[in-house]
Amino acid sequence: MHKVNTSTVSEFILIGLSDAPEVRFFLFVLFLIIYLVTMASNITVFVAISTDTRLHNPMYFFLGNLSLLDILCPTITVPKMLEVLLSENNVISFSGCILQLFFLVDVVGTEIFLLAVMAYDRYVAICQPLQYVNIVSMKLCARLAIGTWVVGFFNSLLHTSLIFTLFFCASNEVEKYYCDIAPVLALSCLPTYSRELVILTVAGVLGSSAFVVTLVSYVYILLAILCMNSAESRHKAFSTCSSHLTVVCLFYGTTICTYVRPSSAYSPDQDRIVSMLYGILTPLLNPIIYSLRNKEVKCALGRVISQEGLSSVL
């Protein structure tokens, strides 16, 4: 146990996934492969959307932003986790912990609002197809995308400032493989009730607002699909938004499983495993879901991969 009883904490100790050398090496190889696959798949999707003019429309513009977030999210936490598994260097500086938590909360908050914007885009496309081009212009898309990043930034700035203006003087062991809100708050020497209340209120209001927009949009979408007379039209409309709906369910399912649990069910060991659902599993599956369920993305990915293969040969 690392204790700092007479001075403020200048560094934190991240509790890794395992202390057994043979298990650590296996986990290192496993998560390295997952990380590399995640990076390669999301970068390929992002490049395909950026370079293929046939994908220069609102839906794929937002998908490109989602791919960028899925590149950033595991990059914030996984490299340090791999370092801990390989070298047992589980020390992270105070400033490093601040930055890790800030960027993680920033990315999570941005993705919550981006998924809401993507749901609204699908709502207009399905429920008001004749007005879609006039309502969802690329100019509006740019403003909405910028808005999601700005809200995520200030939300993270508030959370981070509330947490790291506390006084840390006792244990410096973070019960996770990265710096997260709950385990860092638990290390404070000062009462945290008022700050936790502010954090929960702000996160609750913002998160609930985004969730309501997403939910209401898909309720209207499903009602519109059910009212279509043609089975072919219903199939086409559902296939248009099924990929995004799958991603939404995956995101909220893993996030709720990670963060919305009763305190009586909290376990550090279990929490370290469950937190991987959002931080590692979701960014890996998102590009797979879109590429498998969307013919246009699949074709664009094929063109990018074939061009890369041709370039390497030449």
Protein backbone atom coordinates (compact mmCIF):
# COMPACT_ATOMS: atom_id res chain seq x y z
CA MET A 1 0.00 0.00 0.00
CA HIS A 2 1.36 3.38 -1.05
CA LYS A 3 0.57 6.10 1.49
CA VAL A 4 1.32 9.79 1.50
CA ASN A 5 0.32 11.02 4.92
CA THR A 6 2.27 14.22 5.48
CA SER A 7 2.21 15.90 2.07
CA THR A 8 -0.02 16.31 -0.91
CA VAL A 9 -0.09 13.62 -3.57
CA SER A 10 2.22 14.30 -6.52
CA GLU A 11 1.54 11.07 -8.37
CA PHE A 12 -0.97 8.25 -8.48
CA ILE A 13 -0.63 4.48 -8.59
CA LEU A 14 -2.88 2.80 -11.15
CA ILE A 15 -4.08 -0.62 -10.08
CA GLY A 16 -3.49 -2.92 -13.05
CA LEU A 17 -5.58 -5.82 -14.26
CA SER A 18 -3.38 -8.57 -12.80
CA ASP A 19 -0.22 -9.09 -10.74
CA ALA A 20 0.63 -12.52 -12.20
CA PRO A 21 3.46 -12.18 -14.80
CA GLU A 22 2.09 -14.87 -17.11
CA VAL A 23 -1.39 -13.34 -17.05
CA ARG A 24 -0.01 -9.82 -17.58
CA PHE A 25 1.85 -10.88 -20.74
CA PHE A 26 -1.23 -12.61 -22.13
CA LEU A 27 -3.38 -9.53 -21.42
CA PHE A 28 -0.73 -7.29 -22.98
CA VAL A 29 -0.77 -9.27 -26.25
CA LEU A 30 -4.58 -9.48 -26.24
CA PHE A 31 -5.20 -5.77 -25.66
CA LEU A 32 -2.39 -4.75 -28.01
CA ILE A 33 -4.07 -6.71 -30.81
CA ILE A 34 -7.49 -5.27 -29.94
CA TYR A 35 -6.07 -1.74 -29.84
CA LEU A 36 -4.30 -2.10 -33.19
CA VAL A 37 -7.42 -3.55 -34.83
CA THR A 38 -9.52 -0.73 -33.35
CA MET A 39 -7.12 1.92 -34.64
CA ALA A 40 -6.83 0.35 -38.09
CA SER A 41 -10.59 -0.10 -38.57
CA ASN A 42 -11.57 3.37 -37.34
CA ILE A 43 -8.80 5.11 -39.27
CA THR A 44 -9.86 3.23 -42.42
CA VAL A 45 -13.49 4.31 -41.95
CA PHE A 46 -12.42 7.91 -41.33
CA VAL A 47 -10.18 7.96 -44.42
CA ALA A 48 -12.88 6.35 -46.57
CA ILE A 49 -15.46 8.96 -45.56
CA SER A 50 -12.98 11.81 -46.00
CA THR A 51 -11.77 10.78 -49.44
CA ASP A 52 -14.86 9.27 -51.09
CA THR A 53 -17.06 12.05 -52.50
CA ARG A 54 -20.03 9.65 -52.58
CA LEU A 55 -19.97 9.69 -48.79
CA HIS A 56 -19.87 13.48 -48.44
CA ASN A 57 -23.34 13.82 -46.93
CA PRO A 58 -24.63 14.51 -43.38
CA MET A 59 -24.98 10.89 -42.23
CA TYR A 60 -21.40 9.95 -43.13
CA PHE A 61 -20.06 13.30 -41.94
CA PHE A 62 -21.32 12.44 -38.45
CA LEU A 63 -20.04 8.88 -38.82
CA GLY A 64 -16.58 10.31 -39.53
CA ASN A 65 -16.77 12.28 -36.29
CA LEU A 66 -17.79 9.09 -34.45
CA SER A 67 -14.80 7.25 -35.91
CA LEU A 68 -12.52 10.05 -34.71
CA LEU A 69 -13.94 9.73 -31.19
CA ASP A 70 -13.45 5.96 -31.34
CA ILE A 71 -9.80 6.57 -32.23
CA LEU A 72 -9.33 8.97 -29.32
CA CYS A 73 -11.17 7.03 -26.60
CA PRO A 74 -8.94 3.92 -26.37
CA THR A 75 -5.83 6.00 -27.12
CA ILE A 76 -6.44 7.92 -23.87
CA THR A 77 -6.35 4.81 -21.66
CA VAL A 78 -5.01 1.73 -23.46
CA PRO A 79 -1.34 2.76 -24.07
CA LYS A 80 -0.81 3.38 -20.34
CA MET A 81 -2.57 0.12 -19.53
CA LEU A 82 -0.23 -1.71 -21.93
CA GLU A 83 2.79 -0.05 -20.29
CA VAL A 84 1.59 -1.21 -16.86
CA LEU A 85 1.07 -4.77 -18.12
CA LEU A 86 4.47 -4.97 -19.81
CA SER A 87 6.78 -3.01 -17.51
CA GLU A 88 4.79 -2.82 -14.24
CA ASN A 89 5.29 0.97 -14.32
CA ASN A 90 1.90 1.80 -12.85
CA VAL A 91 2.83 5.33 -11.72
CA ILE A 92 1.09 8.27 -13.39
CA SER A 93 1.91 11.86 -12.54
CA PHE A 94 -0.66 14.20 -11.03
CA SER A 95 -0.81 16.26 -14.25
CA GLY A 96 -0.95 13.07 -16.33
CA CYS A 97 -3.94 11.86 -14.31
CA ILE A 98 -5.67 15.23 -14.81
CA LEU A 99 -5.15 15.08 -18.57
CA GLN A 100 -6.27 11.47 -18.82
CA LEU A 101 -9.49 12.11 -16.93
CA PHE A 102 -10.15 15.38 -18.79
CA PHE A 103 -9.81 13.89 -22.26
CA LEU A 104 -11.78 10.76 -21.36
CA VAL A 105 -14.75 12.73 -19.99
CA ASP A 106 -14.47 15.07 -22.98
CA VAL A 107 -14.69 12.21 -25.48
CA VAL A 108 -17.54 10.45 -23.64
CA GLY A 109 -19.57 13.64 -23.36
CA THR A 110 -18.99 14.52 -27.01
CA GLU A 111 -20.08 11.07 -28.14
CA ILE A 112 -23.29 11.25 -26.12
CA PHE A 113 -24.33 14.42 -27.94
CA LEU A 114 -23.04 13.22 -31.30
CA LEU A 115 -25.26 10.13 -31.08
CA ALA A 116 -28.22 12.42 -30.33
CA VAL A 117 -27.40 14.56 -33.38
CA MET A 118 -27.08 11.43 -35.53
CA ALA A 119 -30.48 10.25 -34.28
CA TYR A 120 -32.01 13.61 -35.23
CA ASP A 121 -30.42 13.33 -38.68
CA ARG A 122 -32.03 9.90 -39.18
CA TYR A 123 -35.37 11.25 -37.91
CA VAL A 124 -35.42 13.99 -40.55
CA ALA A 125 -34.28 11.56 -43.27
CA ILE A 126 -37.03 9.02 -42.48
CA CYS A 127 -39.89 11.22 -41.29
CA GLN A 128 -39.38 14.30 -43.50
CA PRO A 129 -37.51 12.99 -46.56
CA LEU A 130 -38.73 15.73 -48.93
CA GLN A 131 -37.40 18.45 -46.61
CA TYR A 132 -34.20 16.64 -45.65
CA VAL A 133 -31.85 18.54 -47.97
CA ASN A 134 -33.26 21.89 -46.84
CA ILE A 135 -33.28 21.08 -43.11
CA VAL A 136 -30.03 19.13 -42.69
CA SER A 137 -27.56 21.16 -44.73
CA MET A 138 -23.82 20.60 -44.49
CA LYS A 139 -23.55 24.01 -42.84
CA LEU A 140 -25.95 22.89 -40.10
CA CYS A 141 -24.04 19.61 -39.77
CA ALA A 142 -20.78 21.47 -39.21
CA ARG A 143 -22.41 23.64 -36.54
CA LEU A 144 -23.95 20.63 -34.79
CA ALA A 145 -20.67 18.71 -34.85
CA ILE A 146 -18.75 21.69 -33.49
CA GLY A 147 -21.45 22.10 -30.85
CA THR A 148 -21.03 18.51 -29.64
CA TRP A 149 -17.26 18.99 -29.28
CA VAL A 150 -17.68 22.34 -27.50
CA VAL A 151 -20.26 20.98 -25.03
CA GLY A 152 -18.07 17.94 -24.36
CA PHE A 153 -15.06 20.20 -23.73
CA PHE A 154 -16.79 22.49 -21.21
CA ASN A 155 -18.54 19.60 -19.50
CA SER A 156 -15.17 17.90 -19.04
CA LEU A 157 -13.56 21.16 -17.90
CA LEU A 158 -16.19 21.50 -15.16
CA HIS A 159 -15.81 17.88 -14.01
CA THR A 160 -12.03 18.01 -14.00
CA SER A 161 -11.82 21.33 -12.15
CA LEU A 162 -14.24 20.11 -9.47
CA ILE A 163 -12.21 16.96 -8.90
CA PHE A 164 -8.63 18.21 -9.05
CA THR A 165 -9.16 21.29 -6.89
CA LEU A 166 -9.68 18.85 -4.03
CA PHE A 167 -6.88 18.04 -1.56
CA PHE A 168 -5.29 14.60 -1.89
CA CYS A 169 -3.15 13.52 1.03
CA ALA A 170 -3.97 9.92 1.91
CA SER A 171 -3.82 6.86 -0.34
CA ASN A 172 -2.75 7.56 -3.91
CA GLU A 173 -3.87 4.20 -5.34
CA VAL A 174 -6.47 4.59 -8.10
CA GLU A 175 -8.63 1.47 -8.15
CA LYS A 176 -8.65 1.30 -11.94
CA TYR A 177 -6.22 1.02 -14.82
CA TYR A 178 -6.88 4.68 -15.71
CA CYS A 179 -7.92 7.85 -13.89
CA ASP A 180 -11.70 8.01 -13.68
CA ILE A 181 -14.09 10.19 -11.70
CA ALA A 182 -15.21 7.81 -8.95
CA PRO A 183 -11.85 6.24 -7.96
CA VAL A 184 -10.08 9.62 -7.94
CA LEU A 185 -12.82 11.25 -5.85
CA ALA A 186 -12.47 8.41 -3.37
CA LEU A 187 -8.88 9.52 -2.64
CA SER A 188 -9.79 13.03 -1.49
CA CYS A 189 -9.08 14.09 2.08
CA LEU A 190 -11.94 16.60 1.94
CA PRO A 191 -15.69 15.91 1.86
CA THR A 192 -16.82 15.40 -1.72
CA TYR A 193 -20.62 15.33 -1.32
CA SER A 194 -21.29 18.83 -2.73
CA ARG A 195 -18.97 18.29 -5.71
CA GLU A 196 -20.41 14.87 -6.40
CA LEU A 197 -23.87 16.44 -6.35
CA VAL A 198 -22.82 19.08 -8.91
CA ILE A 199 -21.16 16.45 -11.10
CA LEU A 200 -24.18 14.15 -10.99
CA THR A 201 -26.60 17.03 -11.62
CA VAL A 202 -24.72 18.40 -14.62
CA ALA A 203 -24.02 14.96 -16.06
CA GLY A 204 -27.62 13.92 -15.40
CA VAL A 205 -29.14 16.97 -17.10
CA LEU A 206 -26.84 16.85 -20.13
CA GLY A 207 -26.92 13.07 -20.48
CA SER A 208 -30.69 12.85 -20.00
CA SER A 209 -31.27 15.60 -22.57
CA ALA A 210 -29.18 13.79 -25.17
CA PHE A 211 -30.84 10.47 -24.34
CA VAL A 212 -34.34 11.96 -24.64
CA VAL A 213 -33.51 13.45 -28.06
CA THR A 214 -32.17 10.07 -29.18
CA LEU A 215 -35.11 8.14 -27.77
CA VAL A 216 -37.81 10.47 -29.13
CA SER A 217 -36.16 10.53 -32.56
CA TYR A 218 -36.22 6.76 -32.78
CA VAL A 219 -39.78 6.50 -31.50
CA TYR A 220 -40.88 8.74 -34.38
CA ILE A 221 -38.67 6.80 -36.80
CA LEU A 222 -40.16 3.45 -35.79
CA LEU A 223 -43.70 4.84 -36.00
CA ALA A 224 -42.98 6.23 -39.47
CA ILE A 225 -41.55 2.90 -40.62
CA LEU A 226 -44.57 0.98 -39.33
CA CYS A 227 -46.91 3.34 -41.20
CA MET A 228 -45.22 2.71 -44.56
CA ASN A 229 -47.36 0.70 -46.96
CA SER A 230 -44.55 -0.95 -48.91
CA ALA A 231 -42.53 -3.73 -47.28
CA GLU A 232 -39.60 -2.73 -49.46
CA SER A 233 -39.81 0.87 -48.20
CA ARG A 234 -39.94 -0.34 -44.60
CA HIS A 235 -36.89 -2.55 -45.14
CA LYS A 236 -34.94 0.25 -46.83
CA ALA A 237 -35.83 2.78 -44.12
CA PHE A 238 -34.95 0.40 -41.31
CA SER A 239 -31.64 -0.61 -42.92
CA THR A 240 -30.77 3.08 -43.22
CA CYS A 241 -30.83 3.63 -39.45
CA SER A 242 -30.28 0.12 -38.07
CA SER A 243 -26.50 0.54 -37.85
CA HIS A 244 -26.81 3.74 -35.83
CA LEU A 245 -29.50 2.21 -33.59
CA THR A 246 -27.20 -0.74 -32.90
CA VAL A 247 -24.35 1.62 -31.99
CA VAL A 248 -26.67 3.66 -29.72
CA CYS A 249 -27.80 0.52 -27.88
CA LEU A 250 -24.20 -0.66 -27.52
CA PHE A 251 -23.02 2.74 -26.26
CA TYR A 252 -25.77 3.27 -23.69
CA GLY A 253 -25.70 -0.38 -22.63
CA THR A 254 -21.98 -0.37 -21.89
CA THR A 255 -22.04 3.13 -20.35
CA ILE A 256 -24.93 2.29 -18.01
CA CYS A 257 -23.26 -0.99 -17.10
CA THR A 258 -20.05 0.91 -16.34
CA TYR A 259 -21.36 3.93 -14.42
CA VAL A 260 -24.98 3.41 -13.36
CA ARG A 261 -24.77 0.78 -10.66
CA PRO A 262 -25.75 0.81 -6.99
CA SER A 263 -22.88 1.44 -4.58
CA SER A 264 -23.66 -1.85 -2.85
CA ALA A 265 -22.73 -3.65 -6.08
CA TYR A 266 -19.39 -1.84 -6.44
CA SER A 267 -16.28 -3.98 -6.55
CA PRO A 268 -12.86 -2.62 -7.65
CA ASP A 269 -11.94 -5.86 -9.45
CA GLN A 270 -15.31 -6.07 -11.17
CA ASP A 271 -15.26 -2.36 -11.99
CA ARG A 272 -11.90 -2.63 -13.75
CA ILE A 273 -13.31 -5.36 -15.99
CA VAL A 274 -16.69 -3.72 -16.61
CA SER A 275 -15.05 -0.40 -17.55
CA MET A 276 -13.47 -2.13 -20.55
CA LEU A 277 -16.93 -2.48 -22.07
CA TYR A 278 -17.04 1.19 -22.99
CA GLY A 279 -13.37 2.07 -23.27
CA ILE A 280 -12.27 -0.87 -25.44
CA LEU A 281 -15.24 -2.93 -26.68
CA THR A 282 -17.41 -0.13 -28.13
CA PRO A 283 -14.69 1.58 -30.25
CA LEU A 284 -13.77 -1.86 -31.63
CA LEU A 285 -17.33 -2.85 -32.59
CA ASN A 286 -18.60 0.48 -33.98
CA PRO A 287 -16.71 0.37 -37.32
CA ILE A 288 -17.51 -3.34 -37.68
CA ILE A 289 -21.23 -2.65 -37.23
CA TYR A 290 -21.25 0.15 -39.80
CA SER A 291 -19.15 -1.73 -42.35
CA LEU A 292 -21.21 -4.92 -42.09
CA ARG A 293 -24.64 -3.27 -42.18
CA ASN A 294 -24.01 -0.45 -44.65
CA LYS A 295 -23.28 -1.25 -48.30
CA GLU A 296 -21.95 2.23 -49.11
CA VAL A 297 -19.45 2.15 -46.25
CA LYS A 298 -18.46 -1.40 -47.15
CA CYS A 299 -17.81 -0.42 -50.78
CA ALA A 300 -15.85 2.69 -49.72
CA LEU A 301 -13.74 0.61 -47.34
CA GLY A 302 -13.06 -1.86 -50.13
CA ARG A 303 -11.86 0.95 -52.39
CA VAL A 304 -9.58 2.37 -49.68
CA ILE A 305 -8.10 -1.05 -48.87
CA SER A 306 -7.57 -1.88 -52.56
CA GLN A 307 -5.88 1.49 -53.14
CA GLU A 308 -3.59 0.92 -50.15
CA GLY A 309 -2.75 -2.54 -51.43
CA LEU A 310 -1.98 -1.20 -54.91
CA SER A 311 0.19 1.59 -53.46
CA SER A 312 2.20 -0.89 -51.41
CA VAL A 313 2.79 -3.06 -54.48
CA LEU A 314 3.94 -0.10 -56.56
